[in-house]
Each structure stands twice: as structure tokens, then as C-alpha cells.
N, C-alpha and C. Protein backbone atom coordinates (compact mmCIF):
# COMPACT_ATOMS: atom_id res chain seq x y z
N MET A 1 17.24 36.35 26.96
CA MET A 1 18.29 35.43 27.30
C MET A 1 18.06 34.20 26.39
N ARG A 2 19.10 33.58 26.13
CA ARG A 2 19.09 32.32 25.32
C ARG A 2 19.65 31.17 26.18
N ALA A 3 19.12 30.00 25.94
CA ALA A 3 19.58 28.83 26.66
C ALA A 3 19.46 27.58 25.84
N VAL A 4 20.34 26.66 26.06
CA VAL A 4 20.22 25.36 25.58
C VAL A 4 20.13 24.46 26.84
N LEU A 5 19.04 23.63 26.82
CA LEU A 5 18.78 22.68 27.85
C LEU A 5 19.06 21.32 27.42
N GLN A 6 19.84 20.50 28.15
CA GLN A 6 20.10 19.13 27.80
C GLN A 6 19.70 18.29 29.04
N ARG A 7 18.77 17.39 28.77
CA ARG A 7 18.34 16.41 29.80
C ARG A 7 19.49 15.45 30.03
N VAL A 8 19.99 15.34 31.23
CA VAL A 8 21.23 14.53 31.50
C VAL A 8 20.95 13.57 32.70
N THR A 9 21.74 12.50 32.61
CA THR A 9 21.85 11.67 33.80
C THR A 9 22.97 12.15 34.69
N GLU A 10 23.88 12.83 34.10
CA GLU A 10 25.02 13.46 34.92
C GLU A 10 25.70 14.56 33.98
N ALA A 11 26.25 15.49 34.74
CA ALA A 11 27.04 16.52 33.95
C ALA A 11 28.02 17.11 34.92
N GLN A 12 29.23 17.56 34.39
CA GLN A 12 30.26 18.13 35.19
C GLN A 12 30.90 19.23 34.43
N VAL A 13 31.47 20.19 35.16
CA VAL A 13 32.24 21.27 34.53
C VAL A 13 33.56 21.34 35.33
N HIS A 14 34.69 21.42 34.59
CA HIS A 14 36.00 21.60 35.20
C HIS A 14 36.60 22.85 34.63
N VAL A 15 37.36 23.47 35.46
CA VAL A 15 38.32 24.52 35.11
C VAL A 15 39.68 24.04 35.43
N GLY A 16 40.41 23.69 34.42
CA GLY A 16 41.73 23.04 34.61
C GLY A 16 41.40 21.70 35.22
N GLU A 17 42.10 21.35 36.28
CA GLU A 17 41.80 20.09 37.02
C GLU A 17 40.81 20.24 38.09
N GLU A 18 40.31 21.45 38.34
CA GLU A 18 39.28 21.64 39.42
C GLU A 18 37.88 21.38 38.89
N LEU A 19 37.17 20.48 39.69
CA LEU A 19 35.73 20.31 39.44
C LEU A 19 35.03 21.52 40.07
N VAL A 20 34.31 22.31 39.26
CA VAL A 20 33.63 23.48 39.88
C VAL A 20 32.15 23.32 39.97
N GLY A 21 31.55 22.32 39.25
CA GLY A 21 30.16 22.08 39.32
C GLY A 21 29.74 20.77 38.75
N GLN A 22 28.65 20.16 39.30
CA GLN A 22 28.24 18.93 38.77
C GLN A 22 26.72 18.73 39.12
N THR A 23 26.11 17.88 38.37
CA THR A 23 24.74 17.49 38.62
C THR A 23 24.50 16.02 38.34
N GLY A 24 23.57 15.46 38.98
CA GLY A 24 23.14 14.07 38.54
C GLY A 24 21.97 14.15 37.63
N LYS A 25 20.91 13.45 37.78
CA LYS A 25 19.73 13.50 36.95
C LYS A 25 19.14 14.93 36.98
N GLY A 26 18.93 15.46 35.75
CA GLY A 26 18.40 16.78 35.73
C GLY A 26 18.76 17.39 34.41
N LEU A 27 19.24 18.64 34.46
CA LEU A 27 19.53 19.44 33.26
C LEU A 27 20.87 20.06 33.33
N LEU A 28 21.61 20.07 32.16
CA LEU A 28 22.67 20.94 31.92
C LEU A 28 22.10 22.10 31.14
N ILE A 29 22.33 23.37 31.58
CA ILE A 29 21.74 24.48 30.97
C ILE A 29 22.93 25.45 30.57
N LEU A 30 23.09 25.63 29.33
CA LEU A 30 24.07 26.55 28.73
C LEU A 30 23.27 27.85 28.51
N VAL A 31 23.71 28.97 29.13
CA VAL A 31 22.90 30.23 29.09
C VAL A 31 23.70 31.39 28.68
N CYS A 32 23.07 32.33 27.95
CA CYS A 32 23.65 33.57 27.49
C CYS A 32 22.77 34.72 27.68
N ALA A 33 23.19 35.72 28.34
CA ALA A 33 22.42 36.99 28.46
C ALA A 33 22.73 37.79 27.20
N MET A 34 21.67 38.30 26.60
CA MET A 34 21.77 39.11 25.41
C MET A 34 21.77 40.59 25.71
N ALA A 35 22.37 41.41 24.90
CA ALA A 35 22.33 42.84 25.08
C ALA A 35 20.93 43.33 25.25
N GLY A 36 20.60 44.14 26.31
CA GLY A 36 19.28 44.62 26.56
C GLY A 36 18.52 43.78 27.52
N ASP A 37 18.94 42.54 27.76
CA ASP A 37 18.26 41.66 28.78
C ASP A 37 18.27 42.29 30.15
N SER A 38 17.33 41.86 30.98
CA SER A 38 17.22 42.33 32.40
C SER A 38 16.81 41.16 33.23
N GLU A 39 16.64 41.43 34.53
CA GLU A 39 16.18 40.39 35.49
C GLU A 39 14.79 39.84 35.01
N VAL A 40 13.97 40.64 34.28
CA VAL A 40 12.72 40.05 33.81
C VAL A 40 12.91 38.90 32.90
N GLN A 41 13.83 38.98 32.01
CA GLN A 41 14.12 37.81 31.11
C GLN A 41 14.67 36.61 31.84
N ALA A 42 15.60 36.90 32.80
CA ALA A 42 16.22 35.81 33.61
C ALA A 42 15.13 35.15 34.47
N ASP A 43 14.19 35.91 35.15
CA ASP A 43 13.14 35.32 35.87
C ASP A 43 12.23 34.50 35.02
N ARG A 44 11.79 35.01 33.79
CA ARG A 44 10.94 34.27 32.95
C ARG A 44 11.50 32.96 32.44
N LEU A 45 12.80 32.97 32.11
CA LEU A 45 13.50 31.83 31.69
C LEU A 45 13.57 30.77 32.81
N ALA A 46 13.91 31.24 34.04
CA ALA A 46 13.98 30.31 35.19
C ALA A 46 12.52 29.66 35.46
N ALA A 47 11.57 30.44 35.40
CA ALA A 47 10.22 29.94 35.63
C ALA A 47 9.84 28.87 34.57
N LYS A 48 10.14 29.14 33.30
CA LYS A 48 9.81 28.20 32.22
C LYS A 48 10.63 26.97 32.39
N VAL A 49 11.88 27.02 32.72
CA VAL A 49 12.73 25.88 32.80
C VAL A 49 12.24 24.99 33.98
N ALA A 50 11.91 25.61 35.08
CA ALA A 50 11.52 24.78 36.30
C ALA A 50 10.16 24.09 36.01
N LYS A 51 9.37 24.54 35.09
CA LYS A 51 8.03 23.91 34.83
C LYS A 51 8.02 23.12 33.51
N LEU A 52 9.07 23.16 32.74
CA LEU A 52 9.09 22.45 31.46
C LEU A 52 9.04 20.98 31.66
N ARG A 53 8.10 20.35 31.07
CA ARG A 53 7.82 18.86 31.29
C ARG A 53 8.61 18.06 30.17
N ILE A 54 9.79 17.79 30.45
CA ILE A 54 10.61 17.04 29.50
C ILE A 54 11.23 15.72 30.07
N PHE A 55 10.69 15.36 31.26
CA PHE A 55 11.13 14.07 31.85
C PHE A 55 10.05 13.07 31.84
N LYS A 56 10.45 11.82 31.70
CA LYS A 56 9.40 10.76 31.49
C LYS A 56 8.53 10.48 32.74
N ASP A 57 7.32 10.18 32.49
CA ASP A 57 6.43 9.76 33.60
C ASP A 57 6.41 8.21 33.55
N GLU A 58 5.50 7.61 34.41
CA GLU A 58 5.45 6.16 34.51
C GLU A 58 5.06 5.47 33.20
N GLN A 59 4.44 6.22 32.28
CA GLN A 59 4.10 5.73 30.99
C GLN A 59 5.12 5.95 29.87
N GLY A 60 6.23 6.55 30.31
CA GLY A 60 7.33 6.82 29.36
C GLY A 60 7.01 8.09 28.52
N LYS A 61 6.09 8.91 28.89
CA LYS A 61 5.79 10.22 28.27
C LYS A 61 6.52 11.35 28.89
N MET A 62 7.02 12.29 28.10
CA MET A 62 7.60 13.44 28.65
C MET A 62 6.49 14.28 29.28
N ASN A 63 6.34 14.19 30.60
CA ASN A 63 5.20 14.75 31.32
C ASN A 63 5.62 15.26 32.66
N LEU A 64 6.94 15.28 33.02
CA LEU A 64 7.36 15.70 34.31
C LEU A 64 8.43 16.80 34.22
N SER A 65 8.47 17.74 35.12
CA SER A 65 9.45 18.72 35.18
C SER A 65 10.63 18.36 35.97
N VAL A 66 11.74 19.08 35.90
CA VAL A 66 12.96 18.76 36.72
C VAL A 66 12.61 18.87 38.20
N ARG A 67 11.75 19.81 38.62
CA ARG A 67 11.22 19.91 39.99
C ARG A 67 10.55 18.68 40.41
N GLU A 68 9.66 18.19 39.54
CA GLU A 68 8.77 16.99 39.84
C GLU A 68 9.59 15.68 40.02
N ILE A 69 10.71 15.65 39.36
CA ILE A 69 11.50 14.39 39.50
C ILE A 69 12.56 14.47 40.61
N GLY A 70 12.61 15.64 41.26
CA GLY A 70 13.65 15.87 42.29
C GLY A 70 15.02 16.02 41.67
N GLY A 71 15.06 16.53 40.40
CA GLY A 71 16.34 16.65 39.77
C GLY A 71 17.05 18.00 40.12
N SER A 72 18.15 18.16 39.53
CA SER A 72 18.94 19.42 39.81
C SER A 72 19.53 19.86 38.47
N VAL A 73 20.15 21.07 38.40
CA VAL A 73 20.70 21.61 37.19
C VAL A 73 22.12 22.06 37.40
N LEU A 74 22.88 22.02 36.23
CA LEU A 74 24.15 22.65 36.21
C LEU A 74 24.09 23.76 35.18
N VAL A 75 24.29 25.06 35.66
CA VAL A 75 24.14 26.14 34.77
C VAL A 75 25.57 26.61 34.41
N VAL A 76 25.79 26.80 33.05
CA VAL A 76 27.10 27.15 32.58
C VAL A 76 26.93 28.33 31.67
N SER A 77 27.72 29.42 31.91
CA SER A 77 27.58 30.60 30.95
C SER A 77 28.14 30.16 29.60
N GLN A 78 27.52 30.71 28.45
CA GLN A 78 27.89 30.38 27.12
C GLN A 78 27.57 31.51 26.23
N PHE A 79 28.50 32.52 26.15
CA PHE A 79 28.27 33.70 25.38
C PHE A 79 28.15 33.33 23.91
N THR A 80 28.73 32.23 23.48
CA THR A 80 28.61 31.90 22.05
C THR A 80 27.29 31.56 21.58
N LEU A 81 26.27 31.45 22.48
CA LEU A 81 24.88 31.30 21.97
C LEU A 81 24.40 32.61 21.26
N ALA A 82 25.08 33.68 21.43
CA ALA A 82 24.75 34.93 20.83
C ALA A 82 25.41 35.09 19.42
N ALA A 83 25.96 34.02 18.91
CA ALA A 83 26.71 34.10 17.67
C ALA A 83 25.89 34.63 16.50
N ASP A 84 26.49 35.58 15.82
CA ASP A 84 25.91 36.14 14.58
C ASP A 84 26.76 35.35 13.39
N LEU A 85 26.02 34.61 12.66
CA LEU A 85 26.74 33.77 11.64
C LEU A 85 26.68 34.27 10.25
N ARG A 86 26.50 35.59 10.02
CA ARG A 86 26.37 36.05 8.70
C ARG A 86 27.63 35.81 7.85
N GLY A 87 28.72 35.90 8.48
CA GLY A 87 29.97 35.64 7.83
C GLY A 87 30.52 34.25 8.13
N ASN A 88 31.76 34.01 7.86
CA ASN A 88 32.40 32.72 8.17
C ASN A 88 33.03 32.76 9.52
N ARG A 89 33.15 33.94 10.14
CA ARG A 89 33.69 34.03 11.52
C ARG A 89 32.59 34.60 12.34
N PRO A 90 32.13 33.87 13.38
CA PRO A 90 31.05 34.35 14.19
C PRO A 90 31.35 35.65 14.87
N GLY A 91 30.28 36.50 15.10
CA GLY A 91 30.49 37.70 15.81
C GLY A 91 29.52 37.58 17.08
N PHE A 92 29.93 38.25 18.18
CA PHE A 92 29.19 38.05 19.44
C PHE A 92 28.78 39.36 20.04
N SER A 93 28.56 40.37 19.17
CA SER A 93 28.29 41.70 19.65
C SER A 93 26.85 41.82 20.25
N THR A 94 26.00 40.79 20.02
CA THR A 94 24.66 40.82 20.52
C THR A 94 24.60 40.29 21.95
N ALA A 95 25.67 39.71 22.46
CA ALA A 95 25.75 39.21 23.82
C ALA A 95 25.89 40.44 24.73
N ALA A 96 25.36 40.26 25.96
CA ALA A 96 25.48 41.36 26.93
C ALA A 96 26.93 41.56 27.26
N PRO A 97 27.34 42.77 27.61
CA PRO A 97 28.73 43.04 28.01
C PRO A 97 28.98 42.07 29.23
N PRO A 98 30.31 41.72 29.40
CA PRO A 98 30.66 40.75 30.45
C PRO A 98 30.17 41.03 31.85
N VAL A 99 30.24 42.25 32.33
CA VAL A 99 29.73 42.59 33.70
C VAL A 99 28.24 42.30 33.81
N GLU A 100 27.54 42.77 32.77
CA GLU A 100 26.04 42.60 32.81
C GLU A 100 25.70 41.06 32.59
N GLY A 101 26.46 40.49 31.72
CA GLY A 101 26.24 39.07 31.49
C GLY A 101 26.45 38.24 32.68
N GLU A 102 27.49 38.49 33.48
CA GLU A 102 27.68 37.76 34.72
C GLU A 102 26.59 37.96 35.72
N ARG A 103 26.13 39.24 35.81
CA ARG A 103 25.18 39.58 36.78
C ARG A 103 23.83 38.85 36.41
N LEU A 104 23.47 38.80 35.17
CA LEU A 104 22.21 38.13 34.75
C LEU A 104 22.43 36.60 34.84
N TYR A 105 23.53 36.09 34.55
CA TYR A 105 23.82 34.65 34.73
C TYR A 105 23.54 34.29 36.15
N ARG A 106 24.11 35.01 37.07
CA ARG A 106 23.90 34.71 38.54
C ARG A 106 22.52 34.89 38.97
N HIS A 107 21.86 35.91 38.42
CA HIS A 107 20.42 36.15 38.76
C HIS A 107 19.63 34.98 38.27
N PHE A 108 19.82 34.46 37.08
CA PHE A 108 19.17 33.31 36.51
C PHE A 108 19.31 32.14 37.43
N ALA A 109 20.50 31.80 37.87
CA ALA A 109 20.73 30.64 38.79
C ALA A 109 20.02 30.88 40.03
N GLN A 110 20.01 32.03 40.63
CA GLN A 110 19.27 32.30 41.93
C GLN A 110 17.77 32.18 41.68
N ALA A 111 17.26 32.62 40.53
CA ALA A 111 15.91 32.51 40.20
C ALA A 111 15.44 31.02 40.08
N LEU A 112 16.29 30.22 39.54
CA LEU A 112 16.04 28.80 39.47
C LEU A 112 15.92 28.18 40.91
N GLU A 113 16.86 28.62 41.82
CA GLU A 113 16.81 28.13 43.19
C GLU A 113 15.47 28.52 43.81
N LYS A 114 15.05 29.81 43.60
CA LYS A 114 13.81 30.29 44.14
C LYS A 114 12.61 29.43 43.65
N GLU A 115 12.78 28.85 42.36
CA GLU A 115 11.68 28.03 41.89
C GLU A 115 11.73 26.59 42.45
N GLY A 116 12.64 26.34 43.35
CA GLY A 116 12.80 25.07 44.03
C GLY A 116 13.68 24.01 43.31
N VAL A 117 14.54 24.47 42.45
CA VAL A 117 15.52 23.63 41.72
C VAL A 117 16.91 23.80 42.26
N PRO A 118 17.51 22.70 42.76
CA PRO A 118 18.90 22.78 43.15
C PRO A 118 19.82 23.12 42.02
N VAL A 119 20.77 24.07 42.23
CA VAL A 119 21.61 24.58 41.21
C VAL A 119 23.07 24.47 41.52
N ALA A 120 23.90 24.02 40.54
CA ALA A 120 25.33 24.04 40.60
C ALA A 120 25.69 24.91 39.43
N ASN A 121 26.87 25.57 39.48
CA ASN A 121 27.32 26.52 38.51
C ASN A 121 28.70 26.21 37.88
N GLY A 122 28.90 26.64 36.68
CA GLY A 122 30.24 26.73 36.11
C GLY A 122 30.90 27.97 36.72
N ARG A 123 31.92 28.42 36.00
CA ARG A 123 32.59 29.66 36.43
C ARG A 123 32.58 30.63 35.30
N PHE A 124 31.90 31.75 35.47
CA PHE A 124 31.69 32.73 34.44
C PHE A 124 33.06 33.25 33.92
N GLY A 125 33.12 33.29 32.57
CA GLY A 125 34.28 33.81 31.94
C GLY A 125 35.51 32.82 31.86
N ALA A 126 35.38 31.76 32.54
CA ALA A 126 36.57 30.78 32.55
C ALA A 126 36.53 29.85 31.28
N ASP A 127 37.69 29.29 31.00
CA ASP A 127 37.77 28.30 29.94
C ASP A 127 37.44 27.00 30.57
N MET A 128 36.24 26.51 30.31
CA MET A 128 35.70 25.37 31.04
C MET A 128 35.67 24.14 30.13
N ALA A 129 35.72 22.96 30.71
CA ALA A 129 35.54 21.70 30.07
C ALA A 129 34.26 21.11 30.66
N VAL A 130 33.26 20.98 29.82
CA VAL A 130 32.00 20.49 30.22
C VAL A 130 31.81 18.99 29.70
N SER A 131 31.37 18.13 30.55
CA SER A 131 31.08 16.76 30.17
C SER A 131 29.68 16.39 30.61
N LEU A 132 29.02 15.53 29.79
CA LEU A 132 27.66 15.21 30.17
C LEU A 132 27.25 13.93 29.53
N VAL A 133 26.27 13.28 30.11
CA VAL A 133 25.57 12.12 29.50
C VAL A 133 24.19 12.60 29.21
N ASN A 134 23.91 12.85 27.89
CA ASN A 134 22.64 13.37 27.46
C ASN A 134 21.61 12.23 27.48
N ASP A 135 20.53 12.40 28.20
CA ASP A 135 19.46 11.40 28.36
C ASP A 135 18.44 11.55 27.32
N GLY A 136 18.29 10.59 26.45
CA GLY A 136 17.27 10.65 25.38
C GLY A 136 17.83 10.34 24.00
N PRO A 137 18.59 11.24 23.40
CA PRO A 137 19.00 12.60 23.89
C PRO A 137 17.77 13.59 23.75
N VAL A 138 17.76 14.46 24.74
CA VAL A 138 16.80 15.52 24.78
C VAL A 138 17.58 16.80 24.83
N THR A 139 17.45 17.68 23.83
CA THR A 139 18.21 18.99 23.80
C THR A 139 17.15 20.03 23.30
N ILE A 140 16.93 21.09 24.03
CA ILE A 140 15.98 22.13 23.71
C ILE A 140 16.64 23.50 23.73
N TRP A 141 16.37 24.25 22.64
CA TRP A 141 16.89 25.63 22.59
C TRP A 141 15.74 26.49 23.03
N MET A 142 16.05 27.57 23.83
CA MET A 142 15.08 28.50 24.28
C MET A 142 15.66 29.92 24.16
N ASP A 143 14.71 30.86 23.84
CA ASP A 143 14.99 32.27 23.78
C ASP A 143 13.84 33.04 24.38
N THR A 144 14.08 33.88 25.38
CA THR A 144 13.10 34.59 26.07
C THR A 144 12.19 35.44 25.13
N ASP A 145 12.80 35.87 23.98
CA ASP A 145 12.03 36.61 23.00
C ASP A 145 10.92 35.78 22.42
N GLN A 146 10.99 34.53 22.52
CA GLN A 146 10.00 33.65 21.95
C GLN A 146 9.11 32.95 23.07
N LEU A 147 9.25 33.37 24.27
CA LEU A 147 8.44 32.74 25.34
C LEU A 147 7.17 33.59 25.58
């Protein structure tokens, strides 16, 4: 699985005029299941995210996790993280098929909740408008093949 984590003071996702998910202080996570991924990758990614120390402690050092600060996350499906950029038009054939991608997206969100992190979600497959206030800015790219 691939993910982009953005440390935020707030984030929201809308589908049309409907607010479908939001978070305050915590993380906006754009996530993509890749072809061949399973629950193992989703669980590994959730465990890493829950423990990742990217929030400031009393001395201003990135030394606290989203769990430790009492933060929450907004998880948004983002198949374009699978982009193959060899040509001028990206290809997405390395993304998991939609049914499998949605299943793993939901599994990842549930695994984060099991790690003790409150989770809000976007809407899988929808045309979403995502807004955020990036704190730092801190943006981190993750791939379970590299964990």
C-alpha cells in the first residue's frame, strides 16, 4: 500500500455539497492499495502510522505520535498514488482493482481504529474535494514495500 501523510490542524472532504469526513489536529492520509496487496500490508501501514512520531513535544521536536497527542485521522482513497509516469499520461494499472482497493481501504481504516486512532473517511470512488491546513508543513510518503 502507498500513503501520503500530511500533519494537519484540520482537514475536510466533501462530495458535492455534502461534508463526508473531517478531522481536527492529526493527519490527513491519502491511501492507495496496490495490486497484490492484502490485509498484511494494510495492518503494517496502520501500525506504522499510529506509532510514527511526527508531532512536536514540549521541546518542539518531532517526538510524539498521533495517538500520543490525542489526534485523529481523515483517510481518503487516492488511486492516483499508483501512477506510472513513464509517458506523459499517467497509467494506473498497478493500483488494486476497485473492489479489492475499497476492501483494503476500509480494512486500513479499521486497523487504525484498532490501533487506538479515531478515524473519519472520505467516500471511496467518489469525486471528492479535500481541504486541509498542513501543519509545519509536514508531508510524508510511505510505501509498505519499504517498511
